[in-house]
Amino acid sequence: MNGLTEYRNLEIDWNMTPWDAVTLYLEWGNNCWNGDSGVRQPVRSKEDYSNYFVVYTWDEVPRVILVRRNSEEARELLSMDLPEGLRERFLDDVGHLKGVFPPNEEVKIWLKNQLSN
């Protein structure tokens, strides 16, 4: 059993990107704004939060992190190394840059499979 199965019932925002999260929660976008998934409601309190994945490529082995963010903090719920093969394709996809990225479609499919196992 993998660590993600613990979060299988968690509502995941599959369209949240790291930069969308900063805009929404740290800049407190006072108005509704248009993200990739359409109009998002403004943050009204610290009880408003999102759960989403990022891929962290600063380390030698890229890892996927499940984040819960509200206006006060970003909490790391889980961190897992990307498996071989997938990590190389993801790094190729982002030009081998160091940073924090949204998961691409292949990583999202892998994550959804991990959540359901």
PDB file of N, CA and C in Angstrom:
ATOM      1  N   MET A   1       0.856  -1.189   0.000  1.00  0.00           N
ATOM      2  CA  MET A   1       0.000   0.000   0.000  1.00  0.00           C
ATOM      3  C   MET A   1       0.899   1.248   0.000  1.00  0.00           C
ATOM      4  N   ASN A   2       0.577   2.226  -0.849  1.00  0.00           N
ATOM      5  CA  ASN A   2       1.379   3.446  -0.902  1.00  0.00           C
ATOM      6  C   ASN A   2       0.805   4.496   0.045  1.00  0.00           C
ATOM      7  N   GLY A   3       1.574   5.530   0.326  1.00  0.00           N
ATOM      8  CA  GLY A   3       1.151   6.574   1.254  1.00  0.00           C
ATOM      9  C   GLY A   3      -0.010   7.413   0.775  1.00  0.00           C
ATOM     10  N   LEU A   4      -0.228   7.440  -0.531  1.00  0.00           N
ATOM     11  CA  LEU A   4      -1.309   8.269  -1.062  1.00  0.00           C
ATOM     12  C   LEU A   4      -2.697   7.718  -0.756  1.00  0.00           C
ATOM     13  N   THR A   5      -2.806   6.427  -0.533  1.00  0.00           N
ATOM     14  CA  THR A   5      -4.143   5.857  -0.299  1.00  0.00           C
ATOM     15  C   THR A   5      -4.804   6.465   0.931  1.00  0.00           C
ATOM     16  N   GLU A   6      -4.016   6.953   1.866  1.00  0.00           N
ATOM     17  CA  GLU A   6      -4.555   7.621   3.052  1.00  0.00           C
ATOM     18  C   GLU A   6      -5.372   8.859   2.657  1.00  0.00           C
ATOM     19  N   TYR A   7      -5.068   9.433   1.495  1.00  0.00           N
ATOM     20  CA  TYR A   7      -5.707  10.676   1.052  1.00  0.00           C
ATOM     21  C   TYR A   7      -6.711  10.451  -0.077  1.00  0.00           C
ATOM     22  N   ARG A   8      -7.110   9.215  -0.306  1.00  0.00           N
ATOM     23  CA  ARG A   8      -7.985   8.907  -1.443  1.00  0.00           C
ATOM     24  C   ARG A   8      -9.326   9.638  -1.391  1.00  0.00           C
ATOM     25  N   ASN A   9      -9.816   9.994  -0.204  1.00  0.00           N
ATOM     26  CA  ASN A   9     -11.100  10.688  -0.080  1.00  0.00           C
ATOM     27  C   ASN A   9     -10.949  12.202   0.034  1.00  0.00           C
ATOM     28  N   LEU A  10      -9.733  12.684  -0.049  1.00  0.00           N
ATOM     29  CA  LEU A  10      -9.469  14.117   0.028  1.00  0.00           C
ATOM     30  C   LEU A  10      -9.862  14.782  -1.282  1.00  0.00           C
ATOM     31  N   GLU A  11     -10.506  15.909  -1.205  1.00  0.00           N
ATOM     32  CA  GLU A  11     -10.855  16.654  -2.415  1.00  0.00           C
ATOM     33  C   GLU A  11      -9.591  17.342  -2.945  1.00  0.00           C
ATOM     34  N   ILE A  12      -9.169  16.939  -4.134  1.00  0.00           N
ATOM     35  CA  ILE A  12      -7.952  17.471  -4.759  1.00  0.00           C
ATOM     36  C   ILE A  12      -8.352  18.448  -5.856  1.00  0.00           C
ATOM     37  N   ASP A  13      -7.731  19.610  -5.857  1.00  0.00           N
ATOM     38  CA  ASP A  13      -7.920  20.567  -6.944  1.00  0.00           C
ATOM     39  C   ASP A  13      -6.846  20.265  -7.992  1.00  0.00           C
ATOM     40  N   TRP A  14      -7.217  19.507  -9.007  1.00  0.00           N
ATOM     41  CA  TRP A  14      -6.262  19.051 -10.024  1.00  0.00           C
ATOM     42  C   TRP A  14      -5.825  20.177 -10.949  1.00  0.00           C
ATOM     43  N   ASN A  15      -6.512  21.315 -10.913  1.00  0.00           N
ATOM     44  CA  ASN A  15      -6.152  22.436 -11.784  1.00  0.00           C
ATOM     45  C   ASN A  15      -5.373  23.534 -11.076  1.00  0.00           C
ATOM     46  N   MET A  16      -5.182  23.398  -9.760  1.00  0.00           N
ATOM     47  CA  MET A  16      -4.438  24.409  -9.004  1.00  0.00           C
ATOM     48  C   MET A  16      -2.955  24.286  -9.334  1.00  0.00           C
ATOM     49  N   THR A  17      -2.357  25.405  -9.666  1.00  0.00           N
ATOM     50  CA  THR A  17      -0.920  25.461  -9.917  1.00  0.00           C
ATOM     51  C   THR A  17      -0.268  26.192  -8.741  1.00  0.00           C
ATOM     52  N   PRO A  18       1.045  26.057  -8.582  1.00  0.00           N
ATOM     53  CA  PRO A  18       1.702  26.785  -7.490  1.00  0.00           C
ATOM     54  C   PRO A  18       1.480  28.293  -7.574  1.00  0.00           C
ATOM     55  N   TRP A  19       1.513  28.838  -8.775  1.00  0.00           N
ATOM     56  CA  TRP A  19       1.344  30.290  -8.916  1.00  0.00           C
ATOM     57  C   TRP A  19      -0.114  30.696  -8.735  1.00  0.00           C
ATOM     58  N   ASP A  20      -1.067  29.851  -9.097  1.00  0.00           N
ATOM     59  CA  ASP A  20      -2.470  30.137  -8.798  1.00  0.00           C
ATOM     60  C   ASP A  20      -2.697  30.167  -7.290  1.00  0.00           C
ATOM     61  N   ALA A  21      -2.062  29.241  -6.570  1.00  0.00           N
ATOM     62  CA  ALA A  21      -2.220  29.185  -5.112  1.00  0.00           C
ATOM     63  C   ALA A  21      -1.689  30.453  -4.458  1.00  0.00           C
ATOM     64  N   VAL A  22      -0.559  30.949  -4.931  1.00  0.00           N
ATOM     65  CA  VAL A  22      -0.013  32.195  -4.384  1.00  0.00           C
ATOM     66  C   VAL A  22      -0.971  33.348  -4.656  1.00  0.00           C
ATOM     67  N   THR A  23      -1.465  33.425  -5.878  1.00  0.00           N
ATOM     68  CA  THR A  23      -2.403  34.497  -6.222  1.00  0.00           C
ATOM     69  C   THR A  23      -3.647  34.429  -5.350  1.00  0.00           C
ATOM     70  N   LEU A  24      -4.196  33.257  -5.196  1.00  0.00           N
ATOM     71  CA  LEU A  24      -5.457  33.097  -4.481  1.00  0.00           C
ATOM     72  C   LEU A  24      -5.311  33.263  -2.979  1.00  0.00           C
ATOM     73  N   TYR A  25      -4.287  32.654  -2.384  1.00  0.00           N
ATOM     74  CA  TYR A  25      -4.197  32.613  -0.931  1.00  0.00           C
ATOM     75  C   TYR A  25      -3.257  33.631  -0.313  1.00  0.00           C
ATOM     76  N   LEU A  26      -2.204  33.996  -0.991  1.00  0.00           N
ATOM     77  CA  LEU A  26      -1.269  34.945  -0.398  1.00  0.00           C
ATOM     78  C   LEU A  26      -1.548  36.377  -0.820  1.00  0.00           C
ATOM     79  N   GLU A  27      -2.067  36.534  -2.016  1.00  0.00           N
ATOM     80  CA  GLU A  27      -2.412  37.881  -2.457  1.00  0.00           C
ATOM     81  C   GLU A  27      -3.870  38.197  -2.168  1.00  0.00           C
ATOM     82  N   TRP A  28      -4.566  37.190  -1.625  1.00  0.00           N
ATOM     83  CA  TRP A  28      -5.976  37.325  -1.239  1.00  0.00           C
ATOM     84  C   TRP A  28      -6.782  37.984  -2.346  1.00  0.00           C
ATOM     85  N   GLY A  29      -6.673  37.471  -3.553  1.00  0.00           N
ATOM     86  CA  GLY A  29      -7.437  38.009  -4.670  1.00  0.00           C
ATOM     87  C   GLY A  29      -8.840  38.396  -4.227  1.00  0.00           C
ATOM     88  N   ASN A  30      -9.056  39.681  -4.050  1.00  0.00           N
ATOM     89  CA  ASN A  30     -10.309  40.182  -3.482  1.00  0.00           C
ATOM     90  C   ASN A  30     -11.502  39.942  -4.370  1.00  0.00           C
ATOM     91  N   ASN A  31     -11.256  39.635  -5.612  1.00  0.00           N
ATOM     92  CA  ASN A  31     -12.338  39.425  -6.558  1.00  0.00           C
ATOM     93  C   ASN A  31     -12.252  38.010  -7.101  1.00  0.00           C
ATOM     94  N   CYS A  32     -13.354  37.559  -7.687  1.00  0.00           N
ATOM     95  CA  CYS A  32     -13.292  36.292  -8.407  1.00  0.00           C
ATOM     96  C   CYS A  32     -12.278  36.480  -9.530  1.00  0.00           C
ATOM     97  N   TRP A  33     -11.566  35.438  -9.844  1.00  0.00           N
ATOM     98  CA  TRP A  33     -10.587  35.560 -10.920  1.00  0.00           C
ATOM     99  C   TRP A  33     -10.652  34.315 -11.770  1.00  0.00           C
ATOM    100  N   ASN A  34     -10.180  34.457 -12.968  1.00  0.00           N
ATOM    101  CA  ASN A  34     -10.240  33.358 -13.921  1.00  0.00           C
ATOM    102  C   ASN A  34      -8.944  32.573 -13.903  1.00  0.00           C
ATOM    103  N   GLY A  35      -9.030  31.327 -13.451  1.00  0.00           N
ATOM    104  CA  GLY A  35      -7.909  30.404 -13.520  1.00  0.00           C
ATOM    105  C   GLY A  35      -8.141  29.472 -14.690  1.00  0.00           C
ATOM    106  N   ASP A  36      -7.288  28.486 -14.835  1.00  0.00           N
ATOM    107  CA  ASP A  36      -7.435  27.520 -15.917  1.00  0.00           C
ATOM    108  C   ASP A  36      -8.753  26.775 -15.845  1.00  0.00           C
ATOM    109  N   SER A  37      -9.269  26.591 -14.636  1.00  0.00           N
ATOM    110  CA  SER A  37     -10.492  25.802 -14.478  1.00  0.00           C
ATOM    111  C   SER A  37     -11.739  26.681 -14.461  1.00  0.00           C
ATOM    112  N   GLY A  38     -11.606  27.938 -14.803  1.00  0.00           N
ATOM    113  CA  GLY A  38     -12.769  28.821 -14.800  1.00  0.00           C
ATOM    114  C   GLY A  38     -12.675  29.827 -13.669  1.00  0.00           C
ATOM    115  N   VAL A  39     -13.804  30.333 -13.256  1.00  0.00           N
ATOM    116  CA  VAL A  39     -13.841  31.357 -12.219  1.00  0.00           C
ATOM    117  C   VAL A  39     -13.664  30.709 -10.853  1.00  0.00           C
ATOM    118  N   ARG A  40     -12.756  31.241 -10.078  1.00  0.00           N
ATOM    119  CA  ARG A  40     -12.544  30.783  -8.703  1.00  0.00           C
ATOM    120  C   ARG A  40     -13.125  31.823  -7.756  1.00  0.00           C
ATOM    121  N   GLN A  41     -13.700  31.338  -6.695  1.00  0.00           N
ATOM    122  CA  GLN A  41     -14.241  32.240  -5.688  1.00  0.00           C
ATOM    123  C   GLN A  41     -13.105  32.849  -4.869  1.00  0.00           C
ATOM    124  N   PRO A  42     -13.289  34.074  -4.378  1.00  0.00           N
ATOM    125  CA  PRO A  42     -12.239  34.688  -3.564  1.00  0.00           C
ATOM    126  C   PRO A  42     -12.118  33.984  -2.213  1.00  0.00           C
ATOM    127  N   VAL A  43     -10.952  34.098  -1.615  1.00  0.00           N
ATOM    128  CA  VAL A  43     -10.721  33.579  -0.274  1.00  0.00           C
ATOM    129  C   VAL A  43     -11.362  34.550   0.710  1.00  0.00           C
ATOM    130  N   ARG A  44     -12.170  33.991   1.600  1.00  0.00           N
ATOM    131  CA  ARG A  44     -12.871  34.842   2.571  1.00  0.00           C
ATOM    132  C   ARG A  44     -12.334  34.693   3.986  1.00  0.00           C
ATOM    133  N   SER A  45     -11.711  33.539   4.287  1.00  0.00           N
ATOM    134  CA  SER A  45     -11.188  33.323   5.631  1.00  0.00           C
ATOM    135  C   SER A  45     -10.117  32.245   5.594  1.00  0.00           C
ATOM    136  N   LYS A  46      -9.481  32.020   6.753  1.00  0.00           N
ATOM    137  CA  LYS A  46      -8.451  30.986   6.828  1.00  0.00           C
ATOM    138  C   LYS A  46      -9.050  29.584   6.749  1.00  0.00           C
ATOM    139  N   GLU A  47     -10.374  29.472   6.844  1.00  0.00           N
ATOM    140  CA  GLU A  47     -11.024  28.166   6.683  1.00  0.00           C
ATOM    141  C   GLU A  47     -11.129  27.754   5.212  1.00  0.00           C
ATOM    142  N   ASP A  48     -10.939  28.686   4.293  1.00  0.00           N
ATOM    143  CA  ASP A  48     -10.907  28.364   2.865  1.00  0.00           C
ATOM    144  C   ASP A  48      -9.530  27.767   2.557  1.00  0.00           C
ATOM    145  N   TYR A  49      -9.517  26.612   1.923  1.00  0.00           N
ATOM    146  CA  TYR A  49      -8.249  25.961   1.622  1.00  0.00           C
ATOM    147  C   TYR A  49      -8.378  25.149   0.345  1.00  0.00           C
ATOM    148  N   SER A  50      -7.237  24.772  -0.190  1.00  0.00           N
ATOM    149  CA  SER A  50      -7.157  23.885  -1.355  1.00  0.00           C
ATOM    150  C   SER A  50      -6.134  22.804  -1.081  1.00  0.00           C
ATOM    151  N   ASN A  51      -6.395  21.616  -1.628  1.00  0.00           N
ATOM    152  CA  ASN A  51      -5.444  20.511  -1.633  1.00  0.00           C
ATOM    153  C   ASN A  51      -5.012  20.316  -3.076  1.00  0.00           C
ATOM    154  N   TYR A  52      -3.715  20.302  -3.306  1.00  0.00           N
ATOM    155  CA  TYR A  52      -3.222  20.174  -4.674  1.00  0.00           C
ATOM    156  C   TYR A  52      -1.816  19.585  -4.649  1.00  0.00           C
ATOM    157  N   PHE A  53      -1.382  19.129  -5.803  1.00  0.00           N
ATOM    158  CA  PHE A  53      -0.053  18.548  -5.947  1.00  0.00           C
ATOM    159  C   PHE A  53       0.881  19.511  -6.667  1.00  0.00           C
ATOM    160  N   VAL A  54       2.154  19.453  -6.277  1.00  0.00           N
ATOM    161  CA  VAL A  54       3.225  20.134  -6.995  1.00  0.00           C
ATOM    162  C   VAL A  54       4.340  19.126  -7.218  1.00  0.00           C
ATOM    163  N   VAL A  55       5.184  19.411  -8.192  1.00  0.00           N
ATOM    164  CA  VAL A  55       6.383  18.610  -8.409  1.00  0.00           C
ATOM    165  C   VAL A  55       7.573  19.503  -8.085  1.00  0.00           C
ATOM    166  N   TYR A  56       8.377  19.041  -7.141  1.00  0.00           N
ATOM    167  CA  TYR A  56       9.525  19.775  -6.624  1.00  0.00           C
ATOM    168  C   TYR A  56      10.786  19.203  -7.267  1.00  0.00           C
ATOM    169  N   THR A  57      11.496  20.048  -8.027  1.00  0.00           N
ATOM    170  CA  THR A  57      12.660  19.547  -8.772  1.00  0.00           C
ATOM    171  C   THR A  57      13.994  20.111  -8.268  1.00  0.00           C
ATOM    172  N   TRP A  58      14.019  20.691  -7.091  1.00  0.00           N
ATOM    173  CA  TRP A  58      15.268  21.235  -6.570  1.00  0.00           C
ATOM    174  C   TRP A  58      16.221  20.140  -6.109  1.00  0.00           C
ATOM    175  N   ASP A  59      15.686  18.999  -5.704  1.00  0.00           N
ATOM    176  CA  ASP A  59      16.527  17.892  -5.247  1.00  0.00           C
ATOM    177  C   ASP A  59      16.994  17.057  -6.436  1.00  0.00           C
ATOM    178  N   GLU A  60      17.926  16.147  -6.185  1.00  0.00           N
ATOM    179  CA  GLU A  60      18.437  15.282  -7.252  1.00  0.00           C
ATOM    180  C   GLU A  60      17.315  14.436  -7.856  1.00  0.00           C
ATOM    181  N   VAL A  61      16.431  13.923  -7.001  1.00  0.00           N
ATOM    182  CA  VAL A  61      15.293  13.129  -7.466  1.00  0.00           C
ATOM    183  C   VAL A  61      14.037  13.986  -7.323  1.00  0.00           C
ATOM    184  N   PRO A  62      13.352  14.293  -8.410  1.00  0.00           N
ATOM    185  CA  PRO A  62      12.121  15.078  -8.314  1.00  0.00           C
ATOM    186  C   PRO A  62      11.089  14.348  -7.463  1.00  0.00           C
ATOM    187  N   ARG A  63      10.337  15.128  -6.699  1.00  0.00           N
ATOM    188  CA  ARG A  63       9.312  14.515  -5.873  1.00  0.00           C
ATOM    189  C   ARG A  63       8.004  15.265  -6.022  1.00  0.00           C
ATOM    190  N   VAL A  64       6.944  14.524  -5.800  1.00  0.00           N
ATOM    191  CA  VAL A  64       5.619  15.103  -5.847  1.00  0.00           C
ATOM    192  C   VAL A  64       5.196  15.357  -4.406  1.00  0.00           C
ATOM    193  N   ILE A  65       4.588  16.515  -4.175  1.00  0.00           N
ATOM    194  CA  ILE A  65       4.177  16.909  -2.827  1.00  0.00           C
ATOM    195  C   ILE A  65       2.691  17.233  -2.849  1.00  0.00           C
ATOM    196  N   LEU A  66       1.966  16.670  -1.909  1.00  0.00           N
ATOM    197  CA  LEU A  66       0.562  17.004  -1.704  1.00  0.00           C
ATOM    198  C   LEU A  66       0.524  18.138  -0.688  1.00  0.00           C
ATOM    199  N   VAL A  67      -0.052  19.260  -1.101  1.00  0.00           N
ATOM    200  CA  VAL A  67      -0.059  20.488  -0.302  1.00  0.00           C
ATOM    201  C   VAL A  67      -1.487  20.841   0.083  1.00  0.00           C
ATOM    202  N   ARG A  68      -1.664  21.283   1.316  1.00  0.00           N
ATOM    203  CA  ARG A  68      -2.926  21.920   1.742  1.00  0.00           C
ATOM    204  C   ARG A  68      -2.565  23.362   2.059  1.00  0.00           C
ATOM    205  N   ARG A  69      -3.197  24.294   1.350  1.00  0.00           N
ATOM    206  CA  ARG A  69      -2.876  25.711   1.528  1.00  0.00           C
ATOM    207  C   ARG A  69      -4.117  26.481   1.911  1.00  0.00           C
ATOM    208  N   ASN A  70      -3.921  27.376   2.870  1.00  0.00           N
ATOM    209  CA  ASN A  70      -4.916  28.405   3.155  1.00  0.00           C
ATOM    210  C   ASN A  70      -4.170  29.728   3.210  1.00  0.00           C
ATOM    211  N   SER A  71      -4.809  30.762   3.709  1.00  0.00           N
ATOM    212  CA  SER A  71      -4.180  32.084   3.709  1.00  0.00           C
ATOM    213  C   SER A  71      -3.076  32.214   4.750  1.00  0.00           C
ATOM    214  N   GLU A  72      -2.983  31.249   5.671  1.00  0.00           N
ATOM    215  CA  GLU A  72      -1.957  31.331   6.711  1.00  0.00           C
ATOM    216  C   GLU A  72      -0.746  30.447   6.460  1.00  0.00           C
ATOM    217  N   GLU A  73      -0.948  29.320   5.768  1.00  0.00           N
ATOM    218  CA  GLU A  73       0.169  28.396   5.607  1.00  0.00           C
ATOM    219  C   GLU A  73      -0.038  27.471   4.427  1.00  0.00           C
ATOM    220  N   ALA A  74       1.073  26.883   4.002  1.00  0.00           N
ATOM    221  CA  ALA A  74       1.045  25.778   3.053  1.00  0.00           C
ATOM    222  C   ALA A  74       1.628  24.600   3.815  1.00  0.00           C
ATOM    223  N   ARG A  75       0.812  23.569   4.018  1.00  0.00           N
ATOM    224  CA  ARG A  75       1.245  22.404   4.789  1.00  0.00           C
ATOM    225  C   ARG A  75       1.488  21.235   3.848  1.00  0.00           C
ATOM    226  N   GLU A  76       2.648  20.634   3.984  1.00  0.00           N
ATOM    227  CA  GLU A  76       2.995  19.456   3.191  1.00  0.00           C
ATOM    228  C   GLU A  76       2.339  18.237   3.847  1.00  0.00           C
ATOM    229  N   LEU A  77       1.386  17.617   3.135  1.00  0.00           N
ATOM    230  CA  LEU A  77       0.705  16.439   3.662  1.00  0.00           C
ATOM    231  C   LEU A  77       1.477  15.160   3.361  1.00  0.00           C
ATOM    232  N   LEU A  78       2.128  15.135   2.200  1.00  0.00           N
ATOM    233  CA  LEU A  78       2.834  13.932   1.775  1.00  0.00           C
ATOM    234  C   LEU A  78       3.858  14.303   0.713  1.00  0.00           C
ATOM    235  N   SER A  79       4.976  13.600   0.716  1.00  0.00           N
ATOM    236  CA  SER A  79       6.010  13.787  -0.303  1.00  0.00           C
ATOM    237  C   SER A  79       6.449  12.413  -0.784  1.00  0.00           C
ATOM    238  N   MET A  80       6.505  12.238  -2.106  1.00  0.00           N
ATOM    239  CA  MET A  80       6.917  10.965  -2.710  1.00  0.00           C
ATOM    240  C   MET A  80       7.833  11.244  -3.893  1.00  0.00           C
ATOM    241  N   ASP A  81       8.887  10.441  -4.015  1.00  0.00           N
ATOM    242  CA  ASP A  81       9.747  10.547  -5.201  1.00  0.00           C
ATOM    243  C   ASP A  81       8.965  10.108  -6.425  1.00  0.00           C
ATOM    244  N   LEU A  82       9.181  10.797  -7.532  1.00  0.00           N
ATOM    245  CA  LEU A  82       8.624  10.315  -8.791  1.00  0.00           C
ATOM    246  C   LEU A  82       9.373   9.044  -9.187  1.00  0.00           C
ATOM    247  N   PRO A  83       8.680   8.068  -9.728  1.00  0.00           N
ATOM    248  CA  PRO A  83       9.363   6.840 -10.132  1.00  0.00           C
ATOM    249  C   PRO A  83      10.257   7.082 -11.351  1.00  0.00           C
ATOM    250  N   GLU A  84      11.281   6.220 -11.468  1.00  0.00           N
ATOM    251  CA  GLU A  84      12.161   6.303 -12.635  1.00  0.00           C
ATOM    252  C   GLU A  84      11.327   6.234 -13.899  1.00  0.00           C
ATOM    253  N   GLY A  85      11.806   6.822 -14.939  1.00  0.00           N
ATOM    254  CA  GLY A  85      11.051   6.878 -16.191  1.00  0.00           C
ATOM    255  C   GLY A  85      10.166   8.105 -16.178  1.00  0.00           C
ATOM    256  N   LEU A  86       9.250   8.149 -15.249  1.00  0.00           N
ATOM    257  CA  LEU A  86       8.355   9.299 -15.122  1.00  0.00           C
ATOM    258  C   LEU A  86       9.149  10.542 -14.738  1.00  0.00           C
ATOM    259  N   ARG A  87      10.124  10.374 -13.854  1.00  0.00           N
ATOM    260  CA  ARG A  87      10.905  11.547 -13.433  1.00  0.00           C
ATOM    261  C   ARG A  87      11.703  12.115 -14.595  1.00  0.00           C
ATOM    262  N   GLU A  88      12.290  11.245 -15.424  1.00  0.00           N
ATOM    263  CA  GLU A  88      13.070  11.722 -16.563  1.00  0.00           C
ATOM    264  C   GLU A  88      12.181  12.438 -17.578  1.00  0.00           C
ATOM    265  N   ARG A  89      11.008  11.874 -17.837  1.00  0.00           N
ATOM    266  CA  ARG A  89      10.087  12.513 -18.793  1.00  0.00           C
ATOM    267  C   ARG A  89       9.583  13.849 -18.253  1.00  0.00           C
ATOM    268  N   PHE A  90       9.325  13.925 -16.945  1.00  0.00           N
ATOM    269  CA  PHE A  90       8.883  15.195 -16.369  1.00  0.00           C
ATOM    270  C   PHE A  90       9.993  16.234 -16.468  1.00  0.00           C
ATOM    271  N   LEU A  91      11.211  15.851 -16.114  1.00  0.00           N
ATOM    272  CA  LEU A  91      12.330  16.795 -16.210  1.00  0.00           C
ATOM    273  C   LEU A  91      12.536  17.267 -17.645  1.00  0.00           C
ATOM    274  N   ASP A  92      12.413  16.369 -18.613  1.00  0.00           N
ATOM    275  CA  ASP A  92      12.493  16.770 -20.015  1.00  0.00           C
ATOM    276  C   ASP A  92      11.403  17.783 -20.331  1.00  0.00           C
ATOM    277  N   ASP A  93      10.205  17.558 -19.788  1.00  0.00           N
ATOM    278  CA  ASP A  93       9.049  18.422 -20.036  1.00  0.00           C
ATOM    279  C   ASP A  93       9.270  19.846 -19.518  1.00  0.00           C
ATOM    280  N   VAL A  94       9.998  19.977 -18.396  1.00  0.00           N
ATOM    281  CA  VAL A  94      10.231  21.311 -17.815  1.00  0.00           C
ATOM    282  C   VAL A  94      11.637  21.831 -18.124  1.00  0.00           C
ATOM    283  N   GLY A  95      12.297  21.200 -19.086  1.00  0.00           N
ATOM    284  CA  GLY A  95      13.616  21.670 -19.507  1.00  0.00           C
ATOM    285  C   GLY A  95      14.695  21.482 -18.457  1.00  0.00           C
ATOM    286  N   HIS A  96      14.530  20.520 -17.570  1.00  0.00           N
ATOM    287  CA  HIS A  96      15.494  20.225 -16.499  1.00  0.00           C
ATOM    288  C   HIS A  96      15.736  21.431 -15.598  1.00  0.00           C
ATOM    289  N   LEU A  97      14.737  22.304 -15.486  1.00  0.00           N
ATOM    290  CA  LEU A  97      14.846  23.463 -14.600  1.00  0.00           C
ATOM    291  C   LEU A  97      14.589  23.056 -13.161  1.00  0.00           C
ATOM    292  N   LYS A  98      15.200  23.773 -12.240  1.00  0.00           N
ATOM    293  CA  LYS A  98      14.939  23.608 -10.815  1.00  0.00           C
ATOM    294  C   LYS A  98      13.755  24.492 -10.460  1.00  0.00           C
ATOM    295  N   GLY A  99      12.825  23.953  -9.681  1.00  0.00           N
ATOM    296  CA  GLY A  99      11.688  24.767  -9.289  1.00  0.00           C
ATOM    297  C   GLY A  99      10.559  23.936  -8.714  1.00  0.00           C
ATOM    298  N   VAL A 100       9.404  24.568  -8.619  1.00  0.00           N
ATOM    299  CA  VAL A 100       8.180  23.935  -8.153  1.00  0.00           C
ATOM    300  C   VAL A 100       7.157  24.101  -9.274  1.00  0.00           C
ATOM    301  N   PHE A 101       6.667  22.964  -9.787  1.00  0.00           N
ATOM    302  CA  PHE A 101       5.829  22.964 -10.972  1.00  0.00           C
ATOM    303  C   PHE A 101       4.514  22.230 -10.707  1.00  0.00           C
ATOM    304  N   PRO A 102       3.490  22.555 -11.490  1.00  0.00           N
ATOM    305  CA  PRO A 102       2.282  21.728 -11.428  1.00  0.00           C
ATOM    306  C   PRO A 102       2.564  20.394 -12.103  1.00  0.00           C
ATOM    307  N   PRO A 103       1.895  19.349 -11.672  1.00  0.00           N
ATOM    308  CA  PRO A 103       2.093  18.066 -12.344  1.00  0.00           C
ATOM    309  C   PRO A 103       1.561  18.125 -13.772  1.00  0.00           C
ATOM    310  N   ASN A 104       2.283  17.507 -14.701  1.00  0.00           N
ATOM    311  CA  ASN A 104       1.784  17.425 -16.075  1.00  0.00           C
ATOM    312  C   ASN A 104       0.742  16.306 -16.142  1.00  0.00           C
ATOM    313  N   GLU A 105       0.169  16.080 -17.298  1.00  0.00           N
ATOM    314  CA  GLU A 105      -0.917  15.088 -17.419  1.00  0.00           C
ATOM    315  C   GLU A 105      -0.447  13.682 -17.066  1.00  0.00           C
ATOM    316  N   GLU A 106       0.768  13.322 -17.470  1.00  0.00           N
ATOM    317  CA  GLU A 106       1.266  11.985 -17.153  1.00  0.00           C
ATOM    318  C   GLU A 106       1.409  11.789 -15.643  1.00  0.00           C
ATOM    319  N   VAL A 107       1.896  12.804 -14.948  1.00  0.00           N
ATOM    320  CA  VAL A 107       2.035  12.718 -13.490  1.00  0.00           C
ATOM    321  C   VAL A 107       0.656  12.671 -12.838  1.00  0.00           C
ATOM    322  N   LYS A 108      -0.298  13.451 -13.345  1.00  0.00           N
ATOM    323  CA  LYS A 108      -1.659  13.409 -12.792  1.00  0.00           C
ATOM    324  C   LYS A 108      -2.269  12.014 -12.921  1.00  0.00           C
ATOM    325  N   ILE A 109      -2.075  11.374 -14.055  1.00  0.00           N
ATOM    326  CA  ILE A 109      -2.596  10.012 -14.251  1.00  0.00           C
ATOM    327  C   ILE A 109      -1.947   9.062 -13.252  1.00  0.00           C
ATOM    328  N   TRP A 110      -0.639   9.157 -13.080  1.00  0.00           N
ATOM    329  CA  TRP A 110       0.070   8.314 -12.117  1.00  0.00           C
ATOM    330  C   TRP A 110      -0.457   8.550 -10.703  1.00  0.00           C
ATOM    331  N   LEU A 111      -0.639   9.829 -10.332  1.00  0.00           N
ATOM    332  CA  LEU A 111      -1.141  10.155  -8.994  1.00  0.00           C
ATOM    333  C   LEU A 111      -2.551   9.592  -8.775  1.00  0.00           C
ATOM    334  N   LYS A 112      -3.410   9.758  -9.756  1.00  0.00           N
ATOM    335  CA  LYS A 112      -4.778   9.240  -9.625  1.00  0.00           C
ATOM    336  C   LYS A 112      -4.769   7.726  -9.469  1.00  0.00           C
ATOM    337  N   ASN A 113      -3.889   7.039 -10.183  1.00  0.00           N
ATOM    338  CA  ASN A 113      -3.740   5.597 -10.019  1.00  0.00           C
ATOM    339  C   ASN A 113      -3.234   5.246  -8.619  1.00  0.00           C
ATOM    340  N   GLN A 114      -2.279   6.010  -8.127  1.00  0.00           N
ATOM    341  CA  GLN A 114      -1.756   5.773  -6.782  1.00  0.00           C
ATOM    342  C   GLN A 114      -2.834   6.003  -5.714  1.00  0.00           C
ATOM    343  N   LEU A 115      -3.663   7.004  -5.926  1.00  0.00           N
ATOM    344  CA  LEU A 115      -4.744   7.293  -4.971  1.00  0.00           C
ATOM    345  C   LEU A 115      -5.781   6.165  -4.929  1.00  0.00           C
ATOM    346  N   SER A 116      -5.987   5.507  -6.046  1.00  0.00           N
ATOM    347  CA  SER A 116      -7.025   4.483  -6.099  1.00  0.00           C
ATOM    348  C   SER A 116      -6.518   3.088  -5.736  1.00  0.00           C
ATOM    349  N   ASN A 117      -5.194   2.893  -5.626  1.00  0.00           N
ATOM    350  CA  ASN A 117      -4.646   1.561  -5.276  1.00  0.00           C
ATOM    351  C   ASN A 117      -4.740   1.302  -3.777  1.00  0.00           C
TER     352      ASN A 117
END
